Amino acid sequence: MSEGHVTTDHEFIRKWAEARGGHPATVEGTAANDEVGILRLDFEPKDEKLEEISWDDFFEKFDAAHLAFLYQDRTADGKVSRFHKFIHNPSGGKRAS
């Protein structure tokens, strides 16, 4: 059985994504007033509906939206997993590991 974990640790999230070939992105057309839109992590092959953004912009929006990162390290059969989801941060904006 595979297991999910939750974190808000910026460095961990960046390393997790990059180890899987991912980079920070936003959904095209969702940005408003010079703010980053809906957050995503983009993996190869590139999703044409996503626009790459910097990690700084990504985490600024991540923190402002009080998000947490739900992720899976390995699938049930032991393969490296890319499964992730952005969820409301249950600790109310405080950093959790």
N, C-alpha and C. Protein backbone atom coordinates (compact mmCIF):
# COMPACT_ATOMS: atom_id res chain seq x y z
N MET A 1 0.85 -1.18 0.00
CA MET A 1 0.00 0.00 0.00
C MET A 1 0.89 1.25 0.00
N SER A 2 0.54 2.23 -0.81
CA SER A 2 1.30 3.47 -0.86
C SER A 2 0.79 4.42 0.22
N GLU A 3 1.64 5.35 0.60
CA GLU A 3 1.31 6.26 1.70
C GLU A 3 1.50 7.70 1.27
N GLY A 4 0.60 8.57 1.70
CA GLY A 4 0.71 10.00 1.41
C GLY A 4 1.29 10.75 2.60
N HIS A 5 1.95 11.85 2.31
CA HIS A 5 2.55 12.70 3.33
C HIS A 5 2.18 14.15 3.03
N VAL A 6 2.27 15.00 4.03
CA VAL A 6 1.96 16.42 3.85
C VAL A 6 3.12 17.25 4.40
N THR A 7 3.49 18.30 3.65
CA THR A 7 4.53 19.21 4.10
C THR A 7 4.28 20.61 3.55
N THR A 8 4.90 21.59 4.18
CA THR A 8 4.93 22.95 3.65
C THR A 8 6.38 23.41 3.49
N ASP A 9 7.33 22.52 3.67
CA ASP A 9 8.75 22.84 3.59
C ASP A 9 9.15 23.14 2.15
N HIS A 10 9.50 24.37 1.87
CA HIS A 10 9.82 24.81 0.51
C HIS A 10 10.95 24.01 -0.11
N GLU A 11 12.02 23.82 0.62
CA GLU A 11 13.18 23.12 0.08
C GLU A 11 12.84 21.67 -0.24
N PHE A 12 12.07 21.03 0.63
CA PHE A 12 11.68 19.64 0.37
C PHE A 12 10.82 19.56 -0.89
N ILE A 13 9.85 20.46 -1.02
CA ILE A 13 8.96 20.45 -2.19
C ILE A 13 9.76 20.65 -3.47
N ARG A 14 10.67 21.62 -3.45
CA ARG A 14 11.50 21.88 -4.63
C ARG A 14 12.32 20.65 -5.01
N LYS A 15 12.98 20.04 -4.02
CA LYS A 15 13.81 18.86 -4.29
C LYS A 15 12.97 17.68 -4.77
N TRP A 16 11.79 17.49 -4.17
CA TRP A 16 10.89 16.40 -4.57
C TRP A 16 10.52 16.56 -6.04
N ALA A 17 10.11 17.77 -6.42
CA ALA A 17 9.70 18.03 -7.80
C ALA A 17 10.87 17.87 -8.77
N GLU A 18 11.99 18.50 -8.46
CA GLU A 18 13.14 18.46 -9.36
C GLU A 18 13.70 17.05 -9.53
N ALA A 19 13.63 16.23 -8.50
CA ALA A 19 14.09 14.85 -8.59
C ALA A 19 13.26 14.04 -9.58
N ARG A 20 12.05 14.53 -9.85
CA ARG A 20 11.14 13.86 -10.78
C ARG A 20 11.03 14.61 -12.11
N GLY A 21 11.91 15.59 -12.30
CA GLY A 21 11.91 16.36 -13.53
C GLY A 21 10.85 17.45 -13.59
N GLY A 22 10.32 17.83 -12.43
CA GLY A 22 9.26 18.84 -12.39
C GLY A 22 9.77 20.24 -12.15
N HIS A 23 8.94 21.20 -12.52
CA HIS A 23 9.25 22.60 -12.27
C HIS A 23 7.96 23.34 -11.94
N PRO A 24 8.07 24.49 -11.27
CA PRO A 24 6.88 25.24 -10.86
C PRO A 24 6.19 25.87 -12.06
N ALA A 25 4.88 25.90 -11.99
CA ALA A 25 4.10 26.46 -13.09
C ALA A 25 2.79 27.04 -12.57
N THR A 26 2.15 27.77 -13.45
CA THR A 26 0.82 28.31 -13.17
C THR A 26 -0.07 28.00 -14.36
N VAL A 27 -1.36 27.87 -14.12
CA VAL A 27 -2.30 27.59 -15.21
C VAL A 27 -2.46 28.85 -16.04
N GLU A 28 -2.24 28.73 -17.33
CA GLU A 28 -2.34 29.86 -18.26
C GLU A 28 -3.70 30.54 -18.13
N GLY A 29 -3.67 31.85 -18.03
CA GLY A 29 -4.92 32.62 -17.99
C GLY A 29 -5.55 32.77 -16.62
N THR A 30 -4.89 32.27 -15.56
CA THR A 30 -5.47 32.37 -14.21
C THR A 30 -4.84 33.47 -13.36
N ALA A 31 -3.81 34.11 -13.87
CA ALA A 31 -3.15 35.19 -13.12
C ALA A 31 -3.97 36.47 -13.23
N ALA A 32 -3.94 37.27 -12.17
CA ALA A 32 -4.66 38.55 -12.17
C ALA A 32 -3.84 39.59 -11.42
N ASN A 33 -3.82 40.82 -11.93
CA ASN A 33 -3.14 41.93 -11.26
C ASN A 33 -1.70 41.61 -10.90
N ASP A 34 -0.95 41.06 -11.84
CA ASP A 34 0.46 40.72 -11.64
C ASP A 34 0.69 39.68 -10.55
N GLU A 35 -0.34 38.94 -10.18
CA GLU A 35 -0.18 37.86 -9.21
C GLU A 35 -0.14 36.53 -9.94
N VAL A 36 0.51 35.55 -9.33
CA VAL A 36 0.59 34.22 -9.90
C VAL A 36 -0.80 33.58 -9.82
N GLY A 37 -1.15 32.82 -10.85
CA GLY A 37 -2.44 32.15 -10.89
C GLY A 37 -2.43 30.82 -10.14
N ILE A 38 -3.25 29.90 -10.62
CA ILE A 38 -3.38 28.58 -9.99
C ILE A 38 -2.07 27.82 -10.13
N LEU A 39 -1.57 27.31 -9.01
CA LEU A 39 -0.28 26.62 -8.99
C LEU A 39 -0.36 25.18 -9.47
N ARG A 40 0.70 24.77 -10.14
CA ARG A 40 0.86 23.39 -10.58
C ARG A 40 2.36 23.08 -10.60
N LEU A 41 2.67 21.79 -10.62
CA LEU A 41 4.01 21.33 -10.94
C LEU A 41 3.90 20.69 -12.31
N ASP A 42 4.80 21.04 -13.21
CA ASP A 42 4.75 20.52 -14.57
C ASP A 42 5.89 19.53 -14.77
N PHE A 43 5.58 18.40 -15.35
CA PHE A 43 6.54 17.34 -15.64
C PHE A 43 6.53 17.08 -17.14
N GLU A 44 7.58 16.45 -17.63
CA GLU A 44 7.64 16.08 -19.05
C GLU A 44 6.63 14.97 -19.33
N PRO A 45 5.96 14.99 -20.45
CA PRO A 45 6.01 16.03 -21.46
C PRO A 45 5.30 17.30 -20.97
N LYS A 46 5.80 18.45 -21.40
CA LYS A 46 5.27 19.72 -20.95
C LYS A 46 3.79 19.86 -21.27
N ASP A 47 3.05 20.37 -20.30
CA ASP A 47 1.63 20.67 -20.50
C ASP A 47 1.53 22.05 -21.12
N GLU A 48 0.98 22.15 -22.31
CA GLU A 48 0.90 23.42 -23.04
C GLU A 48 0.02 24.45 -22.35
N LYS A 49 -0.82 24.05 -21.41
CA LYS A 49 -1.71 24.99 -20.71
C LYS A 49 -1.05 25.57 -19.45
N LEU A 50 0.19 25.17 -19.20
CA LEU A 50 0.91 25.66 -18.03
C LEU A 50 2.04 26.59 -18.45
N GLU A 51 2.28 27.61 -17.62
CA GLU A 51 3.38 28.54 -17.84
C GLU A 51 4.39 28.37 -16.71
N GLU A 52 5.66 28.17 -17.05
CA GLU A 52 6.69 28.01 -16.03
C GLU A 52 6.88 29.32 -15.28
N ILE A 53 7.06 29.23 -13.96
CA ILE A 53 7.32 30.39 -13.11
C ILE A 53 8.53 30.07 -12.24
N SER A 54 9.03 31.07 -11.54
CA SER A 54 10.19 30.85 -10.65
C SER A 54 9.73 30.18 -9.36
N TRP A 55 10.68 29.54 -8.70
CA TRP A 55 10.36 28.95 -7.39
C TRP A 55 9.98 30.05 -6.41
N ASP A 56 10.61 31.21 -6.48
CA ASP A 56 10.27 32.31 -5.57
C ASP A 56 8.81 32.72 -5.75
N ASP A 57 8.38 32.90 -7.00
CA ASP A 57 6.98 33.27 -7.26
C ASP A 57 6.03 32.16 -6.82
N PHE A 58 6.44 30.92 -7.08
CA PHE A 58 5.63 29.76 -6.69
C PHE A 58 5.39 29.75 -5.18
N PHE A 59 6.47 29.88 -4.41
CA PHE A 59 6.33 29.78 -2.95
C PHE A 59 5.69 31.02 -2.34
N GLU A 60 5.81 32.16 -2.98
CA GLU A 60 5.11 33.34 -2.50
C GLU A 60 3.60 33.10 -2.56
N LYS A 61 3.13 32.58 -3.69
CA LYS A 61 1.71 32.27 -3.85
C LYS A 61 1.30 31.11 -2.93
N PHE A 62 2.14 30.09 -2.83
CA PHE A 62 1.89 28.92 -1.99
C PHE A 62 1.62 29.34 -0.55
N ASP A 63 2.48 30.23 -0.02
CA ASP A 63 2.32 30.70 1.35
C ASP A 63 1.11 31.63 1.50
N ALA A 64 0.93 32.54 0.55
CA ALA A 64 -0.19 33.50 0.62
C ALA A 64 -1.54 32.78 0.57
N ALA A 65 -1.59 31.66 -0.15
CA ALA A 65 -2.84 30.91 -0.28
C ALA A 65 -3.01 29.88 0.84
N HIS A 66 -2.06 29.84 1.78
CA HIS A 66 -2.10 28.89 2.91
C HIS A 66 -2.25 27.45 2.42
N LEU A 67 -1.32 27.06 1.55
CA LEU A 67 -1.37 25.72 0.99
C LEU A 67 -0.39 24.78 1.70
N ALA A 68 -0.64 23.51 1.54
CA ALA A 68 0.26 22.45 1.97
C ALA A 68 0.41 21.51 0.78
N PHE A 69 1.46 20.73 0.78
CA PHE A 69 1.80 19.83 -0.32
C PHE A 69 1.55 18.40 0.13
N LEU A 70 0.55 17.76 -0.47
CA LEU A 70 0.27 16.35 -0.22
C LEU A 70 0.99 15.58 -1.32
N TYR A 71 1.80 14.60 -0.95
CA TYR A 71 2.60 13.89 -1.95
C TYR A 71 2.77 12.44 -1.58
N GLN A 72 3.21 11.68 -2.57
CA GLN A 72 3.50 10.26 -2.41
C GLN A 72 4.93 10.04 -2.90
N ASP A 73 5.73 9.34 -2.13
CA ASP A 73 7.10 9.05 -2.56
C ASP A 73 7.16 7.90 -3.56
N ARG A 74 6.43 6.85 -3.27
CA ARG A 74 6.46 5.64 -4.10
C ARG A 74 5.04 5.12 -4.33
N THR A 75 4.85 4.49 -5.46
CA THR A 75 3.57 3.86 -5.76
C THR A 75 3.47 2.56 -4.97
N ALA A 76 2.30 1.93 -5.02
CA ALA A 76 2.09 0.68 -4.29
C ALA A 76 3.05 -0.41 -4.75
N ASP A 77 3.49 -0.35 -6.02
CA ASP A 77 4.43 -1.36 -6.51
C ASP A 77 5.90 -0.93 -6.38
N GLY A 78 6.15 0.17 -5.64
CA GLY A 78 7.51 0.59 -5.32
C GLY A 78 8.18 1.55 -6.29
N LYS A 79 7.48 1.95 -7.34
CA LYS A 79 8.06 2.89 -8.30
C LYS A 79 7.98 4.31 -7.76
N VAL A 80 8.90 5.18 -8.24
CA VAL A 80 8.88 6.58 -7.85
C VAL A 80 7.56 7.19 -8.31
N SER A 81 6.91 7.91 -7.41
CA SER A 81 5.61 8.49 -7.71
C SER A 81 5.72 9.99 -7.96
N ARG A 82 4.88 10.48 -8.85
CA ARG A 82 4.75 11.92 -9.08
C ARG A 82 3.44 12.43 -8.48
N PHE A 83 2.71 11.56 -7.81
CA PHE A 83 1.42 11.99 -7.28
C PHE A 83 1.61 13.10 -6.25
N HIS A 84 0.86 14.17 -6.46
CA HIS A 84 0.89 15.29 -5.51
C HIS A 84 -0.40 16.08 -5.67
N LYS A 85 -0.67 16.88 -4.66
CA LYS A 85 -1.87 17.72 -4.67
C LYS A 85 -1.62 18.88 -3.72
N PHE A 86 -2.13 20.04 -4.06
CA PHE A 86 -2.04 21.19 -3.16
C PHE A 86 -3.34 21.25 -2.38
N ILE A 87 -3.22 21.29 -1.06
CA ILE A 87 -4.38 21.29 -0.18
C ILE A 87 -4.31 22.48 0.78
N HIS A 88 -5.41 22.78 1.40
CA HIS A 88 -5.42 23.82 2.42
C HIS A 88 -4.51 23.41 3.56
N ASN A 89 -3.69 24.34 4.05
CA ASN A 89 -2.75 24.05 5.12
C ASN A 89 -3.50 23.95 6.45
N PRO A 90 -3.59 22.76 7.01
CA PRO A 90 -4.34 22.58 8.26
C PRO A 90 -3.72 23.29 9.47
N SER A 91 -2.44 23.72 9.35
CA SER A 91 -1.81 24.39 10.49
C SER A 91 -1.98 25.92 10.42
N GLY A 92 -2.85 26.38 9.54
CA GLY A 92 -3.17 27.81 9.50
C GLY A 92 -2.07 28.71 9.03
N GLY A 93 -1.26 28.27 8.09
CA GLY A 93 -0.21 29.12 7.54
C GLY A 93 1.14 28.93 8.18
N LYS A 94 1.23 28.14 9.26
CA LYS A 94 2.50 27.87 9.91
C LYS A 94 3.22 26.78 9.14
N ARG A 95 4.54 26.89 9.05
CA ARG A 95 5.33 25.89 8.37
C ARG A 95 5.31 24.59 9.15
N ALA A 96 5.09 23.50 8.43
CA ALA A 96 5.14 22.17 9.02
C ALA A 96 5.99 21.30 8.12
N SER A 97 6.61 20.29 8.69
CA SER A 97 7.43 19.40 7.86
C SER A 97 6.71 18.09 7.65
